[in-house]
Protein backbone atom coordinates (compact mmCIF):
# COMPACT_ATOMS: atom_id res chain seq x y z
CA UNK A 1 8.59 -32.16 -6.07
CA UNK A 2 9.45 -29.00 -8.01
CA UNK A 3 5.78 -27.92 -7.92
CA UNK A 4 5.74 -28.28 -4.13
CA UNK A 5 8.95 -26.23 -3.85
CA UNK A 6 7.49 -23.53 -6.11
CA UNK A 7 4.31 -23.37 -4.01
CA UNK A 8 6.31 -23.14 -0.78
CA UNK A 9 8.37 -20.30 -2.21
CA UNK A 10 5.18 -18.46 -3.14
CA UNK A 11 3.64 -19.01 0.30
CA UNK A 12 6.77 -17.82 2.07
CA UNK A 13 7.28 -14.76 -0.12
CA UNK A 14 3.56 -13.90 -0.21
CA UNK A 15 2.89 -14.32 3.49
CA UNK A 16 5.86 -14.50 5.80
CA UNK A 17 8.23 -11.91 4.37
CA UNK A 18 5.69 -9.11 3.69
CA UNK A 19 4.08 -9.54 7.11
CA UNK A 20 7.39 -9.56 8.99
CA UNK A 21 8.66 -6.56 6.98
CA UNK A 22 5.47 -4.63 7.68
CA UNK A 23 5.62 -5.39 11.40
CA UNK A 24 9.28 -4.29 11.49
CA UNK A 25 8.41 -0.98 9.80
CA UNK A 26 5.42 -0.47 12.12
CA UNK A 27 7.68 -0.88 15.16
CA UNK A 28 10.28 1.40 13.61
CA UNK A 29 7.76 4.17 12.95
CA UNK A 30 6.26 3.77 16.44
CA UNK A 31 9.75 4.02 17.95
CA UNK A 32 10.66 7.24 16.16
CA UNK A 33 7.24 8.85 16.70
CA UNK A 34 6.63 8.48 20.46
CA UNK A 35 3.84 11.10 20.41
CA UNK A 36 1.89 9.01 17.89
CA UNK A 37 2.69 5.85 19.86
CA UNK A 38 1.12 7.49 22.93
CA UNK A 39 -1.97 8.60 20.96
CA UNK A 40 -2.51 5.07 19.59
CA UNK A 41 -1.97 3.60 23.05
CA UNK A 42 -4.66 5.93 24.41
CA UNK A 43 -7.02 5.03 21.57
CA UNK A 44 -6.75 1.26 22.04
CA UNK A 45 -6.42 1.23 25.85
CA UNK A 46 -10.18 1.01 26.33
CA UNK A 47 -10.53 -1.95 23.99
CA UNK A 48 -11.21 -5.23 25.70
CA UNK A 49 -10.56 -8.09 23.28
CA UNK A 50 -11.88 -6.24 20.19
CA UNK A 51 -13.43 -8.18 17.33
CA UNK A 52 -11.97 -8.10 13.83
CA UNK A 53 -14.68 -5.60 12.81
CA UNK A 54 -13.85 -3.40 15.79
CA UNK A 55 -10.16 -3.43 14.87
CA UNK A 56 -11.09 -2.30 11.36
CA UNK A 57 -13.65 0.33 12.33
CA UNK A 58 -13.21 1.61 15.87
CA UNK A 59 -9.58 2.72 15.92
CA UNK A 60 -9.00 5.43 13.30
CA UNK A 61 -5.51 6.40 14.55
CA UNK A 62 -4.33 2.80 14.54
CA UNK A 63 -5.76 2.32 11.05
CA UNK A 64 -4.18 5.54 9.77
CA UNK A 65 -0.79 4.60 11.24
CA UNK A 66 -0.95 1.17 9.62
CA UNK A 67 -2.00 2.58 6.23
CA UNK A 68 0.74 5.20 6.29
CA UNK A 69 3.30 2.54 7.15
CA UNK A 70 2.17 0.49 4.15
CA UNK A 71 2.27 3.60 1.95
CA UNK A 72 5.77 4.62 2.97
CA UNK A 73 7.22 1.12 3.31
CA UNK A 74 5.40 -1.25 0.95
CA UNK A 75 6.38 -4.87 1.63
CA UNK A 76 6.70 -5.49 -2.10
CA UNK A 77 8.54 -2.71 -3.91
CA UNK A 78 7.54 -3.67 -7.42
CA UNK A 79 4.67 -5.67 -8.92
CA UNK A 80 4.64 -7.27 -12.34
CA UNK A 81 1.54 -8.14 -14.29
CA UNK A 82 1.04 -9.47 -17.80
CA UNK A 83 -1.79 -8.10 -19.95
CA UNK A 84 -4.19 -10.96 -20.65
CA UNK A 85 -5.70 -9.06 -23.57
CA UNK A 86 -4.96 -5.95 -25.60
CA UNK A 87 -6.20 -3.01 -23.58
CA UNK A 88 -6.76 0.65 -24.42
CA UNK A 89 -6.10 2.92 -21.46
CA UNK A 90 -7.55 6.45 -21.66
CA UNK A 91 -5.13 9.16 -20.56
CA UNK A 92 -5.97 12.37 -18.73
CA UNK A 93 -3.43 14.09 -20.97
CA UNK A 94 -1.35 12.82 -23.88
CA UNK A 95 2.09 11.41 -23.20
CA UNK A 96 4.94 13.86 -23.93
CA UNK A 97 5.63 14.08 -27.66
CA UNK A 98 2.29 12.62 -28.73
CA UNK A 99 -1.26 13.75 -29.24
CA UNK A 100 -2.77 10.33 -28.49
CA UNK A 101 -5.52 10.48 -25.85
CA UNK A 102 -4.94 6.82 -24.99
CA UNK A 103 -2.28 4.16 -24.57
CA UNK A 104 -2.52 0.74 -26.20
CA UNK A 105 -1.14 -2.14 -24.14
CA UNK A 106 -0.81 -5.24 -26.34
CA UNK A 107 -1.74 -8.68 -25.02
CA UNK A 108 1.25 -10.32 -23.35
CA UNK A 109 2.93 -7.06 -22.35
CA UNK A 110 4.59 -7.30 -18.95
CA UNK A 111 3.79 -4.25 -16.87
CA UNK A 112 6.06 -3.21 -14.04
CA UNK A 113 4.54 -1.10 -11.27
CA UNK A 114 7.08 0.53 -8.95
CA UNK A 115 4.89 0.55 -5.84
CA UNK A 116 7.42 2.42 -3.73
CA UNK A 117 7.46 5.24 -6.32
CA UNK A 118 3.70 5.35 -6.98
CA UNK A 119 2.92 5.57 -3.28
CA UNK A 120 5.15 8.64 -2.91
CA UNK A 121 3.87 10.48 -5.97
CA UNK A 122 3.33 14.13 -5.08
CA UNK A 123 0.48 14.52 -7.59
CA UNK A 124 -1.52 11.98 -5.55
CA UNK A 125 -0.18 12.39 -2.02
CA UNK A 126 0.74 16.08 -2.01
CA UNK A 127 4.02 17.93 -1.59
CA UNK A 128 4.73 16.07 1.66
CA UNK A 129 4.51 12.64 0.01
CA UNK A 130 7.93 11.71 1.42
CA UNK A 131 6.88 12.56 4.97
CA UNK A 132 5.44 9.94 7.33
CA UNK A 133 2.11 11.54 8.22
CA UNK A 134 -0.69 9.16 9.26
CA UNK A 135 -3.08 12.07 9.63
CA UNK A 136 -3.43 12.15 5.84
CA UNK A 137 -5.61 9.03 6.16
CA UNK A 138 -7.91 10.78 8.61
CA UNK A 139 -8.11 13.83 6.35
CA UNK A 140 -8.90 11.71 3.29
CA UNK A 141 -12.08 10.72 5.12
CA UNK A 142 -11.90 7.25 3.64
CA UNK A 143 -11.02 3.79 4.77
CA UNK A 144 -10.63 2.66 1.18
CA UNK A 145 -7.49 0.55 0.86
CA UNK A 146 -7.61 0.98 -2.91
CA UNK A 147 -5.45 4.06 -2.44
CA UNK A 148 -2.54 1.70 -1.85
CA UNK A 149 -0.82 -0.74 -4.17
CA UNK A 150 1.04 -2.42 -1.31
CA UNK A 151 -0.72 -5.71 -2.02
CA UNK A 152 -1.63 -5.06 -5.64
CA UNK A 153 -5.21 -4.28 -4.60
CA UNK A 154 -5.52 -7.93 -3.59
């Protein structure tokens, strides 16, 4: 019975809560940005029962709005992973106080990734990283979701 309870907890936390939180944030951002709401409405108004592929490819404003919502309001604020083997990570510059060009992560190390901090990093997202600006996704000229850690790239 405890295995069933553990699986149910995982299903609920991995599906229901992140989806409902994301929808709530989407509605919030739509409500406080009526000009963007109108632009998205205009973009999708011609769609007549779009396919899944059409939803992913034919509505760049809708996609950008969704991606920016996930960037600003990730449904999971922090991810934890355990290194399955010792890993050497090359660094673009040494860590402060060292000259090492790499970082060694021993097997078994638990890594904590603060998604909400990473996704607002100014070195990646620019000086306006704390500003809700869906247009950044149109300017990036990519539909690559790997720019987000909202779902741990999964």
